[in-house]
Amino acid sequence: MHLRDLDGAADALAGVLELPVEQRIGGIIVSMRRIHSALLDPDFHGGTTATAMQQKIEYFTGVPAQGALPTGQ
């Protein structure tokens, strides 16, 4: 993201976005949310790659809140 290379950032995030719910620890979630915020930059916002990355990050960061809870809670 710092290099403003969305394709490179998307490639770098691909493995992280595939982590199972139980491995999505707080630090990773915080980092993903920072990347999501960076994608709001006017240079990126609305672009196809940026929008796809945002949607994937939203799903990734939203699942742990529901999926990581033990059954019955």
Protein backbone atom coordinates (compact mmCIF):
# COMPACT_ATOMS: atom_id res chain seq x y z
CA MET A 1 0.00 0.00 0.00
CA HIS A 2 2.85 2.39 0.80
CA LEU A 3 4.20 1.86 -2.70
CA ARG A 4 0.71 2.54 -4.09
CA ASP A 5 0.78 -0.80 -5.90
CA LEU A 6 -2.69 -2.30 -5.52
CA ASP A 7 -1.93 -5.40 -7.53
CA GLY A 8 1.12 -6.10 -5.38
CA ALA A 9 -0.87 -5.45 -2.21
CA ALA A 10 -3.65 -7.76 -3.39
CA ASP A 11 -1.10 -10.50 -4.09
CA ALA A 12 0.49 -10.01 -0.66
CA LEU A 13 -2.90 -10.20 1.06
CA ALA A 14 -4.10 -13.30 -0.75
CA GLY A 15 -2.59 -15.73 1.75
CA VAL A 16 -3.78 -13.73 4.75
CA LEU A 17 -7.33 -13.58 3.41
CA GLU A 18 -7.37 -17.39 3.28
CA LEU A 19 -6.59 -17.83 6.99
CA PRO A 20 -9.16 -19.93 8.82
CA VAL A 21 -11.28 -18.12 11.39
CA GLU A 22 -9.38 -19.53 14.37
CA GLN A 23 -6.12 -17.97 13.07
CA ARG A 24 -7.54 -14.48 12.54
CA ILE A 25 -6.00 -12.94 15.64
CA GLY A 26 -6.50 -9.36 16.77
CA GLY A 27 -3.29 -7.98 15.29
CA ILE A 28 -4.14 -9.34 11.87
CA ILE A 29 -7.65 -7.90 12.04
CA VAL A 30 -6.27 -4.48 13.03
CA SER A 31 -3.77 -4.55 10.15
CA MET A 32 -6.48 -5.54 7.68
CA ARG A 33 -8.67 -2.68 8.87
CA ARG A 34 -5.77 -0.25 8.33
CA ILE A 35 -5.41 -1.48 4.77
CA HIS A 36 -9.16 -1.11 4.31
CA SER A 37 -8.91 2.51 5.49
CA ALA A 38 -5.99 3.16 3.15
CA LEU A 39 -8.14 1.99 0.26
CA LEU A 40 -10.44 4.95 0.92
CA ASP A 41 -7.72 7.25 -0.43
CA PRO A 42 -9.13 9.19 -3.40
CA ASP A 43 -6.44 7.68 -5.64
CA PHE A 44 -7.79 4.17 -4.97
CA HIS A 45 -11.42 4.59 -3.95
CA GLY A 46 -13.89 3.28 -6.47
CA GLY A 47 -11.39 1.34 -8.54
CA THR A 48 -12.16 -2.29 -9.36
CA THR A 49 -9.15 -3.73 -7.51
CA ALA A 50 -9.64 -1.45 -4.48
CA THR A 51 -13.34 -2.28 -4.26
CA ALA A 52 -12.67 -6.02 -4.49
CA MET A 53 -9.99 -5.77 -1.79
CA GLN A 54 -12.31 -3.80 0.47
CA GLN A 55 -15.07 -6.38 0.11
CA LYS A 56 -12.70 -9.24 0.88
CA ILE A 57 -11.33 -7.40 3.93
CA GLU A 58 -14.85 -6.61 5.16
CA TYR A 59 -15.77 -10.28 4.96
CA PHE A 60 -12.47 -11.37 6.52
CA THR A 61 -12.73 -8.97 9.46
CA GLY A 62 -16.44 -9.58 9.96
CA VAL A 63 -16.34 -13.37 10.16
CA PRO A 64 -14.32 -13.69 13.40
CA ALA A 65 -16.87 -11.75 15.41
CA GLN A 66 -19.42 -14.44 14.62
CA GLY A 67 -17.44 -17.49 13.53
CA ALA A 68 -14.82 -17.62 16.29
CA LEU A 69 -17.26 -18.02 19.15
CA PRO A 70 -17.57 -21.50 20.60
CA THR A 71 -20.77 -23.36 19.77
CA GLY A 72 -23.69 -22.37 21.99
CA GLN A 73 -22.53 -18.83 22.76
